[in-house]
Amino acid sequence: MLAHDLGSLSVGTVLTTSTFTVKPADLTAHVESSFLGQVVGCGEEMLSTGSVSGGGAPEPWGRVCPLPVALGRALSALAHSEPFRDVALTLRSISRVRRFGEMLVGEPLTAIATVRFRSGRVPNATHVTLAVEVHRESQRGRVGATALSFEVGLELRSLAGASTETRIAGGAAAA
């Protein structure tokens, strides 16, 4: 499927991400942004995203991943998948979120998204609704157990050569 051909994202199209994990730095960034949101102006120049995490090797599994962080990592993995490489994504909605157990930091995950709705009525934009399932690591070629499912509404605009920072609007991958 060509990235710039948004018409190829028809209803029923299945998108699969590469394996991703929630890193300790993602949790640190989530805690820091929550803290800064509550205490704006108090020492914010001292904190930066991931400043406490150390950035070393991934920690062993064990810490439970908060839902907003898991959603953000899944959306980020989708935004970096092949069909969306040259596309500006704007997050419009997240709904029907269902959690099927706890996801752990460092646990290998894969997202599988199915296009449920597509509309191209707005000029230069395509609106899609994706049904997303986040699966644990597969075993012997089989799809792993579902850890999370949700629906996401996205507005897509074709952009050639856009940088990652300008491609994702609305904080879809900033969680």
N, C-alpha and C. Protein backbone atom coordinates (compact mmCIF):
# COMPACT_ATOMS: atom_id res chain seq x y z
N MET A 1 0.85 -1.17 0.00
CA MET A 1 0.00 0.00 0.00
C MET A 1 0.90 1.24 0.00
N LEU A 2 0.64 2.18 -0.88
CA LEU A 2 1.44 3.39 -0.94
C LEU A 2 1.01 4.36 0.15
N ALA A 3 1.99 4.99 0.80
CA ALA A 3 1.70 5.88 1.92
C ALA A 3 0.93 7.12 1.49
N HIS A 4 1.21 7.63 0.30
CA HIS A 4 0.56 8.87 -0.11
C HIS A 4 -0.81 8.63 -0.74
N ASP A 5 -1.18 7.38 -0.94
CA ASP A 5 -2.47 7.06 -1.53
C ASP A 5 -3.47 6.76 -0.42
N LEU A 6 -4.10 7.82 0.12
CA LEU A 6 -5.04 7.64 1.22
C LEU A 6 -6.28 6.88 0.79
N GLY A 7 -6.55 6.84 -0.50
CA GLY A 7 -7.70 6.08 -0.99
C GLY A 7 -7.54 4.59 -0.81
N SER A 8 -6.31 4.12 -0.61
CA SER A 8 -6.08 2.69 -0.41
C SER A 8 -6.47 2.23 0.99
N LEU A 9 -6.76 3.16 1.88
CA LEU A 9 -7.23 2.81 3.23
C LEU A 9 -8.74 2.62 3.20
N SER A 10 -9.18 1.53 2.63
CA SER A 10 -10.62 1.28 2.53
C SER A 10 -11.11 0.50 3.75
N VAL A 11 -12.41 0.47 3.92
CA VAL A 11 -13.01 -0.26 5.04
C VAL A 11 -12.58 -1.72 4.95
N GLY A 12 -12.13 -2.25 6.08
CA GLY A 12 -11.68 -3.64 6.13
C GLY A 12 -10.17 -3.80 6.02
N THR A 13 -9.45 -2.75 5.64
CA THR A 13 -8.00 -2.81 5.55
C THR A 13 -7.42 -3.05 6.94
N VAL A 14 -6.47 -3.95 7.04
CA VAL A 14 -5.84 -4.28 8.32
C VAL A 14 -4.42 -3.74 8.32
N LEU A 15 -4.07 -3.02 9.38
CA LEU A 15 -2.73 -2.46 9.56
C LEU A 15 -2.10 -3.12 10.78
N THR A 16 -0.83 -3.48 10.67
CA THR A 16 -0.13 -4.11 11.78
C THR A 16 1.15 -3.33 12.06
N THR A 17 1.40 -3.04 13.32
CA THR A 17 2.62 -2.32 13.69
C THR A 17 3.75 -3.31 13.94
N SER A 18 4.94 -2.78 13.98
CA SER A 18 6.05 -3.60 14.44
C SER A 18 5.96 -3.69 15.97
N THR A 19 6.75 -4.56 16.56
CA THR A 19 6.74 -4.73 18.01
C THR A 19 7.21 -3.46 18.69
N PHE A 20 6.51 -3.07 19.76
CA PHE A 20 6.89 -1.90 20.54
C PHE A 20 6.75 -2.24 22.02
N THR A 21 7.33 -1.40 22.87
CA THR A 21 7.23 -1.58 24.32
C THR A 21 6.98 -0.23 24.97
N VAL A 22 6.49 -0.27 26.17
CA VAL A 22 6.42 0.93 27.00
C VAL A 22 7.73 0.97 27.76
N LYS A 23 8.45 2.08 27.61
CA LYS A 23 9.76 2.21 28.23
C LYS A 23 9.66 2.95 29.56
N PRO A 24 10.63 2.78 30.45
CA PRO A 24 10.63 3.54 31.70
C PRO A 24 10.58 5.05 31.45
N ALA A 25 11.20 5.51 30.36
CA ALA A 25 11.18 6.95 30.05
C ALA A 25 9.76 7.43 29.73
N ASP A 26 8.92 6.54 29.16
CA ASP A 26 7.52 6.90 28.90
C ASP A 26 6.77 7.15 30.20
N LEU A 27 7.02 6.30 31.20
CA LEU A 27 6.38 6.50 32.51
C LEU A 27 6.88 7.78 33.17
N THR A 28 8.17 8.03 33.06
CA THR A 28 8.73 9.24 33.64
C THR A 28 8.13 10.48 33.00
N ALA A 29 8.02 10.47 31.69
CA ALA A 29 7.42 11.61 30.98
C ALA A 29 5.97 11.80 31.39
N HIS A 30 5.23 10.71 31.57
CA HIS A 30 3.83 10.78 31.98
C HIS A 30 3.71 11.39 33.38
N VAL A 31 4.56 10.94 34.31
CA VAL A 31 4.53 11.47 35.67
C VAL A 31 4.91 12.94 35.68
N GLU A 32 5.95 13.30 34.93
CA GLU A 32 6.39 14.70 34.89
C GLU A 32 5.34 15.60 34.27
N SER A 33 4.70 15.17 33.19
CA SER A 33 3.69 16.01 32.57
C SER A 33 2.47 16.13 33.47
N SER A 34 2.12 15.07 34.20
CA SER A 34 1.01 15.15 35.16
C SER A 34 1.36 16.13 36.27
N PHE A 35 2.59 16.04 36.76
CA PHE A 35 3.04 16.92 37.83
C PHE A 35 3.04 18.38 37.36
N LEU A 36 3.58 18.63 36.17
CA LEU A 36 3.62 19.99 35.65
C LEU A 36 2.22 20.53 35.37
N GLY A 37 1.32 19.66 35.00
CA GLY A 37 -0.06 20.09 34.79
C GLY A 37 -0.73 20.54 36.07
N GLN A 38 -0.32 19.96 37.19
CA GLN A 38 -0.90 20.33 38.48
C GLN A 38 -0.19 21.51 39.11
N VAL A 39 1.10 21.64 38.89
CA VAL A 39 1.89 22.67 39.54
C VAL A 39 2.61 23.49 38.47
N VAL A 40 1.86 24.22 37.68
CA VAL A 40 2.45 25.02 36.61
C VAL A 40 3.25 26.16 37.21
N GLY A 41 4.48 26.30 36.73
CA GLY A 41 5.33 27.41 37.16
C GLY A 41 6.22 27.10 38.34
N CYS A 42 6.08 25.98 38.99
CA CYS A 42 6.91 25.66 40.16
C CYS A 42 8.05 24.73 39.75
N GLY A 43 9.16 25.30 39.38
CA GLY A 43 10.33 24.52 39.08
C GLY A 43 10.28 23.77 37.76
N GLU A 44 9.43 24.20 36.83
CA GLU A 44 9.34 23.47 35.58
C GLU A 44 10.62 23.54 34.76
N GLU A 45 11.45 24.56 34.98
CA GLU A 45 12.71 24.63 34.25
C GLU A 45 13.69 23.56 34.73
N MET A 46 13.42 22.94 35.87
CA MET A 46 14.28 21.90 36.40
C MET A 46 13.95 20.52 35.82
N LEU A 47 12.75 20.37 35.25
CA LEU A 47 12.32 19.07 34.75
C LEU A 47 12.31 19.05 33.24
N SER A 48 12.67 17.93 32.70
CA SER A 48 12.55 17.73 31.27
C SER A 48 12.05 16.32 31.04
N THR A 49 11.43 16.08 29.91
CA THR A 49 10.88 14.76 29.64
C THR A 49 11.96 13.69 29.73
N GLY A 50 11.74 12.72 30.59
CA GLY A 50 12.69 11.61 30.73
C GLY A 50 13.92 11.94 31.54
N SER A 51 13.93 13.03 32.31
CA SER A 51 15.13 13.45 33.01
C SER A 51 15.54 12.53 34.13
N VAL A 52 14.62 11.75 34.69
CA VAL A 52 14.94 10.90 35.82
C VAL A 52 15.16 9.45 35.41
N SER A 53 14.83 9.10 34.19
CA SER A 53 14.82 7.69 33.79
C SER A 53 16.20 7.09 33.61
N GLY A 54 17.21 7.87 33.34
CA GLY A 54 18.55 7.34 33.16
C GLY A 54 18.85 6.92 31.73
N GLY A 55 17.87 6.49 30.98
CA GLY A 55 18.05 6.16 29.57
C GLY A 55 18.89 4.92 29.29
N GLY A 56 19.13 4.06 30.28
CA GLY A 56 19.92 2.86 30.08
C GLY A 56 19.11 1.76 29.43
N ALA A 57 19.55 0.53 29.68
CA ALA A 57 18.85 -0.64 29.13
C ALA A 57 17.44 -0.72 29.72
N PRO A 58 16.50 -1.29 28.97
CA PRO A 58 15.15 -1.40 29.49
C PRO A 58 15.12 -2.22 30.78
N GLU A 59 14.30 -1.76 31.72
CA GLU A 59 14.18 -2.47 32.98
C GLU A 59 13.38 -3.74 32.76
N PRO A 60 13.57 -4.74 33.64
CA PRO A 60 12.78 -5.96 33.49
C PRO A 60 11.30 -5.66 33.69
N TRP A 61 10.47 -6.51 33.15
CA TRP A 61 9.03 -6.33 33.30
C TRP A 61 8.68 -6.29 34.77
N GLY A 62 7.62 -5.60 35.08
CA GLY A 62 7.19 -5.60 36.47
C GLY A 62 6.33 -4.42 36.84
N ARG A 63 6.63 -3.24 36.34
CA ARG A 63 5.81 -2.08 36.67
C ARG A 63 4.61 -2.04 35.75
N VAL A 64 3.46 -1.77 36.31
CA VAL A 64 2.22 -1.70 35.54
C VAL A 64 2.18 -0.39 34.78
N CYS A 65 1.77 -0.47 33.53
CA CYS A 65 1.70 0.69 32.65
C CYS A 65 0.33 1.36 32.78
N PRO A 66 0.27 2.67 33.09
CA PRO A 66 -1.02 3.37 33.15
C PRO A 66 -1.68 3.39 31.77
N LEU A 67 -3.01 3.39 31.76
CA LEU A 67 -3.77 3.35 30.52
C LEU A 67 -3.41 4.47 29.55
N PRO A 68 -3.29 5.76 29.99
CA PRO A 68 -2.94 6.81 29.02
C PRO A 68 -1.59 6.58 28.33
N VAL A 69 -0.64 6.01 29.05
CA VAL A 69 0.67 5.74 28.46
C VAL A 69 0.55 4.60 27.43
N ALA A 70 -0.20 3.56 27.76
CA ALA A 70 -0.39 2.45 26.82
C ALA A 70 -1.09 2.92 25.55
N LEU A 71 -2.12 3.76 25.70
CA LEU A 71 -2.81 4.30 24.53
C LEU A 71 -1.86 5.14 23.68
N GLY A 72 -1.08 5.97 24.32
CA GLY A 72 -0.13 6.82 23.60
C GLY A 72 0.91 6.03 22.84
N ARG A 73 1.44 4.98 23.45
CA ARG A 73 2.45 4.16 22.76
C ARG A 73 1.83 3.41 21.58
N ALA A 74 0.59 2.91 21.75
CA ALA A 74 -0.07 2.21 20.64
C ALA A 74 -0.34 3.17 19.49
N LEU A 75 -0.80 4.39 19.79
CA LEU A 75 -1.04 5.38 18.74
C LEU A 75 0.25 5.80 18.07
N SER A 76 1.31 5.93 18.84
CA SER A 76 2.61 6.27 18.27
C SER A 76 3.10 5.17 17.33
N ALA A 77 2.93 3.92 17.72
CA ALA A 77 3.33 2.81 16.86
C ALA A 77 2.52 2.80 15.57
N LEU A 78 1.22 3.09 15.67
CA LEU A 78 0.40 3.18 14.46
C LEU A 78 0.84 4.33 13.57
N ALA A 79 1.15 5.47 14.17
CA ALA A 79 1.57 6.65 13.40
C ALA A 79 2.87 6.39 12.65
N HIS A 80 3.69 5.48 13.15
CA HIS A 80 4.95 5.18 12.50
C HIS A 80 4.88 3.95 11.60
N SER A 81 3.69 3.38 11.44
CA SER A 81 3.56 2.23 10.54
C SER A 81 3.57 2.71 9.09
N GLU A 82 3.83 1.80 8.19
CA GLU A 82 4.05 2.13 6.78
C GLU A 82 2.96 2.99 6.13
N PRO A 83 1.67 2.69 6.27
CA PRO A 83 0.67 3.49 5.56
C PRO A 83 0.61 4.96 5.99
N PHE A 84 1.14 5.29 7.17
CA PHE A 84 1.04 6.65 7.69
C PHE A 84 2.36 7.42 7.66
N ARG A 85 3.39 6.93 6.99
CA ARG A 85 4.71 7.56 7.03
C ARG A 85 4.72 8.98 6.47
N ASP A 86 4.02 9.24 5.39
CA ASP A 86 3.99 10.58 4.80
C ASP A 86 2.62 11.23 4.97
N VAL A 87 2.02 11.02 6.13
CA VAL A 87 0.67 11.51 6.38
C VAL A 87 0.65 12.29 7.69
N ALA A 88 -0.02 13.43 7.69
CA ALA A 88 -0.24 14.19 8.92
C ALA A 88 -1.48 13.62 9.60
N LEU A 89 -1.31 13.19 10.86
CA LEU A 89 -2.41 12.61 11.63
C LEU A 89 -2.93 13.62 12.64
N THR A 90 -4.22 13.74 12.73
CA THR A 90 -4.84 14.55 13.78
C THR A 90 -5.80 13.64 14.53
N LEU A 91 -5.57 13.50 15.82
CA LEU A 91 -6.42 12.66 16.65
C LEU A 91 -7.75 13.37 16.86
N ARG A 92 -8.85 12.70 16.54
CA ARG A 92 -10.18 13.28 16.71
C ARG A 92 -10.94 12.67 17.87
N SER A 93 -10.76 11.37 18.13
CA SER A 93 -11.48 10.74 19.25
C SER A 93 -10.85 9.40 19.60
N ILE A 94 -11.03 9.02 20.86
CA ILE A 94 -10.70 7.68 21.33
C ILE A 94 -11.92 7.21 22.11
N SER A 95 -12.42 6.03 21.77
CA SER A 95 -13.62 5.53 22.44
C SER A 95 -13.56 4.02 22.59
N ARG A 96 -14.53 3.49 23.30
CA ARG A 96 -14.69 2.04 23.52
C ARG A 96 -13.40 1.38 24.02
N VAL A 97 -12.76 2.02 24.97
CA VAL A 97 -11.51 1.49 25.50
C VAL A 97 -11.82 0.33 26.46
N ARG A 98 -11.21 -0.81 26.19
CA ARG A 98 -11.38 -1.99 27.03
C ARG A 98 -10.00 -2.55 27.36
N ARG A 99 -9.76 -2.76 28.63
CA ARG A 99 -8.49 -3.29 29.09
C ARG A 99 -8.69 -4.75 29.52
N PHE A 100 -7.86 -5.66 29.01
CA PHE A 100 -7.97 -7.08 29.30
C PHE A 100 -6.77 -7.54 30.14
N GLY A 101 -6.55 -6.90 31.25
CA GLY A 101 -5.40 -7.21 32.10
C GLY A 101 -4.40 -6.08 32.07
N GLU A 102 -3.41 -6.20 32.91
CA GLU A 102 -2.39 -5.16 33.05
C GLU A 102 -1.28 -5.35 32.02
N MET A 103 -0.82 -4.24 31.46
CA MET A 103 0.35 -4.25 30.59
C MET A 103 1.54 -3.79 31.42
N LEU A 104 2.67 -4.41 31.20
CA LEU A 104 3.84 -4.12 32.00
C LEU A 104 4.89 -3.37 31.19
N VAL A 105 5.68 -2.58 31.89
CA VAL A 105 6.77 -1.86 31.26
C VAL A 105 7.76 -2.88 30.70
N GLY A 106 8.14 -2.70 29.44
CA GLY A 106 9.09 -3.58 28.79
C GLY A 106 8.47 -4.78 28.09
N GLU A 107 7.19 -5.00 28.28
CA GLU A 107 6.51 -6.13 27.65
C GLU A 107 6.36 -5.89 26.15
N PRO A 108 6.79 -6.81 25.29
CA PRO A 108 6.64 -6.64 23.84
C PRO A 108 5.16 -6.67 23.43
N LEU A 109 4.75 -5.67 22.67
CA LEU A 109 3.36 -5.53 22.24
C LEU A 109 3.32 -5.28 20.74
N THR A 110 2.18 -5.58 20.13
CA THR A 110 1.93 -5.30 18.73
C THR A 110 0.51 -4.78 18.61
N ALA A 111 0.29 -3.78 17.76
CA ALA A 111 -1.06 -3.25 17.53
C ALA A 111 -1.54 -3.68 16.16
N ILE A 112 -2.80 -4.12 16.11
CA ILE A 112 -3.45 -4.48 14.86
C ILE A 112 -4.68 -3.60 14.74
N ALA A 113 -4.77 -2.83 13.66
CA ALA A 113 -5.87 -1.90 13.46
C ALA A 113 -6.63 -2.26 12.20
N THR A 114 -7.96 -2.20 12.29
CA THR A 114 -8.82 -2.46 11.14
C THR A 114 -9.61 -1.20 10.84
N VAL A 115 -9.62 -0.79 9.58
CA VAL A 115 -10.38 0.40 9.18
C VAL A 115 -11.87 0.04 9.23
N ARG A 116 -12.61 0.72 10.09
CA ARG A 116 -14.05 0.45 10.24
C ARG A 116 -14.90 1.46 9.46
N PHE A 117 -14.38 2.67 9.29
CA PHE A 117 -15.12 3.72 8.59
C PHE A 117 -14.11 4.61 7.88
N ARG A 118 -14.48 5.07 6.71
CA ARG A 118 -13.63 5.98 5.94
C ARG A 118 -14.50 6.99 5.23
N SER A 119 -14.09 8.26 5.30
CA SER A 119 -14.83 9.32 4.63
C SER A 119 -13.84 10.29 4.00
N GLY A 120 -14.08 10.62 2.75
CA GLY A 120 -13.22 11.57 2.05
C GLY A 120 -14.00 12.79 1.61
N ARG A 121 -15.05 13.15 2.34
CA ARG A 121 -15.91 14.27 1.94
C ARG A 121 -15.24 15.63 2.07
N VAL A 122 -14.33 15.77 3.04
CA VAL A 122 -13.63 17.04 3.23
C VAL A 122 -12.47 17.09 2.24
N PRO A 123 -12.34 18.17 1.48
CA PRO A 123 -11.23 18.27 0.51
C PRO A 123 -9.87 18.16 1.20
N ASN A 124 -8.98 17.41 0.59
CA ASN A 124 -7.60 17.23 1.06
C ASN A 124 -7.49 16.52 2.40
N ALA A 125 -8.54 15.87 2.86
CA ALA A 125 -8.48 15.15 4.13
C ALA A 125 -9.31 13.87 4.04
N THR A 126 -8.85 12.88 4.76
CA THR A 126 -9.58 11.62 4.87
C THR A 126 -9.81 11.35 6.34
N HIS A 127 -11.03 11.03 6.70
CA HIS A 127 -11.35 10.69 8.08
C HIS A 127 -11.52 9.18 8.16
N VAL A 128 -10.83 8.55 9.12
CA VAL A 128 -10.95 7.11 9.31
C VAL A 128 -11.21 6.80 10.77
N THR A 129 -11.95 5.74 10.99
CA THR A 129 -12.11 5.18 12.32
C THR A 129 -11.45 3.82 12.29
N LEU A 130 -10.54 3.60 13.24
CA LEU A 130 -9.81 2.34 13.33
C LEU A 130 -10.23 1.59 14.59
N ALA A 131 -10.48 0.31 14.46
CA ALA A 131 -10.65 -0.57 15.61
C ALA A 131 -9.27 -1.15 15.90
N VAL A 132 -8.73 -0.83 17.07
CA VAL A 132 -7.35 -1.19 17.40
C VAL A 132 -7.34 -2.24 18.51
N GLU A 133 -6.53 -3.26 18.33
CA GLU A 133 -6.28 -4.26 19.36
C GLU A 133 -4.78 -4.29 19.61
N VAL A 134 -4.41 -4.20 20.88
CA VAL A 134 -3.01 -4.31 21.27
C VAL A 134 -2.82 -5.71 21.84
N HIS A 135 -1.88 -6.46 21.23
CA HIS A 135 -1.64 -7.85 21.60
C HIS A 135 -0.30 -8.01 22.27
N ARG A 136 -0.25 -8.93 23.20
CA ARG A 136 1.02 -9.31 23.82
C ARG A 136 1.86 -10.06 22.80
N GLU A 137 3.11 -10.32 23.14
CA GLU A 137 4.03 -11.00 22.23
C GLU A 137 3.43 -12.32 21.75
N SER A 138 3.59 -12.59 20.46
CA SER A 138 3.04 -13.82 19.89
C SER A 138 3.89 -15.02 20.28
N GLN A 139 3.26 -16.17 20.25
CA GLN A 139 3.93 -17.42 20.58
C GLN A 139 3.86 -18.35 19.38
N ARG A 140 5.00 -18.77 18.84
CA ARG A 140 5.09 -19.73 17.73
C ARG A 140 4.23 -19.33 16.54
N GLY A 141 4.29 -18.07 16.14
CA GLY A 141 3.59 -17.62 14.95
C GLY A 141 2.12 -17.27 15.17
N ARG A 142 1.61 -17.47 16.38
CA ARG A 142 0.21 -17.13 16.67
C ARG A 142 0.13 -15.75 17.27
N VAL A 143 -1.01 -15.10 17.09
CA VAL A 143 -1.22 -13.78 17.69
C VAL A 143 -1.34 -13.96 19.20
N GLY A 144 -0.67 -13.11 19.96
CA GLY A 144 -0.72 -13.18 21.41
C GLY A 144 -2.06 -12.70 21.95
N ALA A 145 -2.25 -12.85 23.24
CA ALA A 145 -3.49 -12.46 23.90
C ALA A 145 -3.73 -10.96 23.78
N THR A 146 -4.97 -10.57 23.64
CA THR A 146 -5.33 -9.15 23.56
C THR A 146 -5.18 -8.51 24.93
N ALA A 147 -4.44 -7.41 25.00
CA ALA A 147 -4.23 -6.69 26.24
C ALA A 147 -5.12 -5.46 26.33
N LEU A 148 -5.46 -4.87 25.17
CA LEU A 148 -6.20 -3.60 25.14
C LEU A 148 -6.90 -3.50 23.79
N SER A 149 -8.10 -2.94 23.80
CA SER A 149 -8.77 -2.65 22.53
C SER A 149 -9.44 -1.29 22.65
N PHE A 150 -9.52 -0.57 21.53
CA PHE A 150 -10.16 0.74 21.50
C PHE A 150 -10.43 1.13 20.07
N GLU A 151 -11.26 2.15 19.90
CA GLU A 151 -11.49 2.74 18.58
C GLU A 151 -10.90 4.14 18.59
N VAL A 152 -10.34 4.52 17.47
CA VAL A 152 -9.73 5.84 17.35
C VAL A 152 -10.19 6.49 16.05
N GLY A 153 -10.55 7.76 16.13
CA GLY A 153 -10.91 8.53 14.96
C GLY A 153 -9.75 9.43 14.58
N LEU A 154 -9.32 9.37 13.33
CA LEU A 154 -8.18 10.15 12.85
C LEU A 154 -8.55 10.94 11.62
N GLU A 155 -7.96 12.11 11.49
CA GLU A 155 -8.03 12.88 10.25
C GLU A 155 -6.66 12.76 9.61
N LEU A 156 -6.62 12.36 8.36
CA LEU A 156 -5.37 12.14 7.63
C LEU A 156 -5.23 13.15 6.50
N ARG A 157 -4.07 13.75 6.40
CA ARG A 157 -3.74 14.65 5.29
C ARG A 157 -2.39 14.25 4.74
N SER A 158 -2.32 14.09 3.45
CA SER A 158 -1.08 13.68 2.80
C SER A 158 -0.07 14.82 2.84
N LEU A 159 1.11 14.52 3.37
CA LEU A 159 2.21 15.48 3.43
C LEU A 159 3.49 14.77 3.03
N ALA A 160 4.14 15.21 2.01
CA ALA A 160 5.42 14.62 1.61
C ALA A 160 6.54 15.30 2.38
N GLY A 161 7.37 14.49 3.04
CA GLY A 161 8.55 15.01 3.73
C GLY A 161 8.26 15.70 5.05
N ALA A 162 7.13 15.45 5.70
CA ALA A 162 6.84 16.08 6.99
C ALA A 162 7.66 15.42 8.08
N SER A 163 8.08 16.20 9.07
CA SER A 163 8.83 15.63 10.18
C SER A 163 7.86 15.00 11.17
N THR A 164 8.39 14.14 12.04
CA THR A 164 7.56 13.44 13.02
C THR A 164 6.86 14.43 13.95
N GLU A 165 7.53 15.51 14.33
CA GLU A 165 6.95 16.47 15.26
C GLU A 165 5.74 17.17 14.66
N THR A 166 5.75 17.42 13.36
CA THR A 166 4.62 18.12 12.75
C THR A 166 3.56 17.17 12.23
N ARG A 167 3.88 15.87 12.15
CA ARG A 167 2.92 14.91 11.61
C ARG A 167 1.81 14.59 12.58
N ILE A 168 2.09 14.55 13.86
CA ILE A 168 1.11 14.09 14.83
C ILE A 168 0.58 15.30 15.59
N ALA A 169 -0.62 15.70 15.28
CA ALA A 169 -1.22 16.85 15.97
C ALA A 169 -2.13 16.35 17.07
N GLY A 170 -2.35 17.18 18.06
CA GLY A 170 -3.26 16.84 19.13
C GLY A 170 -2.67 15.95 20.20
N GLY A 171 -1.36 15.71 20.17
CA GLY A 171 -0.71 14.94 21.21
C GLY A 171 -0.97 13.44 21.15
N ALA A 172 -1.28 12.91 19.98
CA ALA A 172 -1.61 11.49 19.87
C ALA A 172 -0.47 10.60 20.35
N ALA A 173 0.75 11.02 20.13
CA ALA A 173 1.87 10.17 20.53
C ALA A 173 2.67 10.77 21.67
N ALA A 174 2.18 11.80 22.27
CA ALA A 174 2.94 12.47 23.31
C ALA A 174 2.71 11.88 24.69
N ALA A 175 1.77 10.96 24.80
CA ALA A 175 1.46 10.39 26.11
C ALA A 175 2.61 9.62 26.69
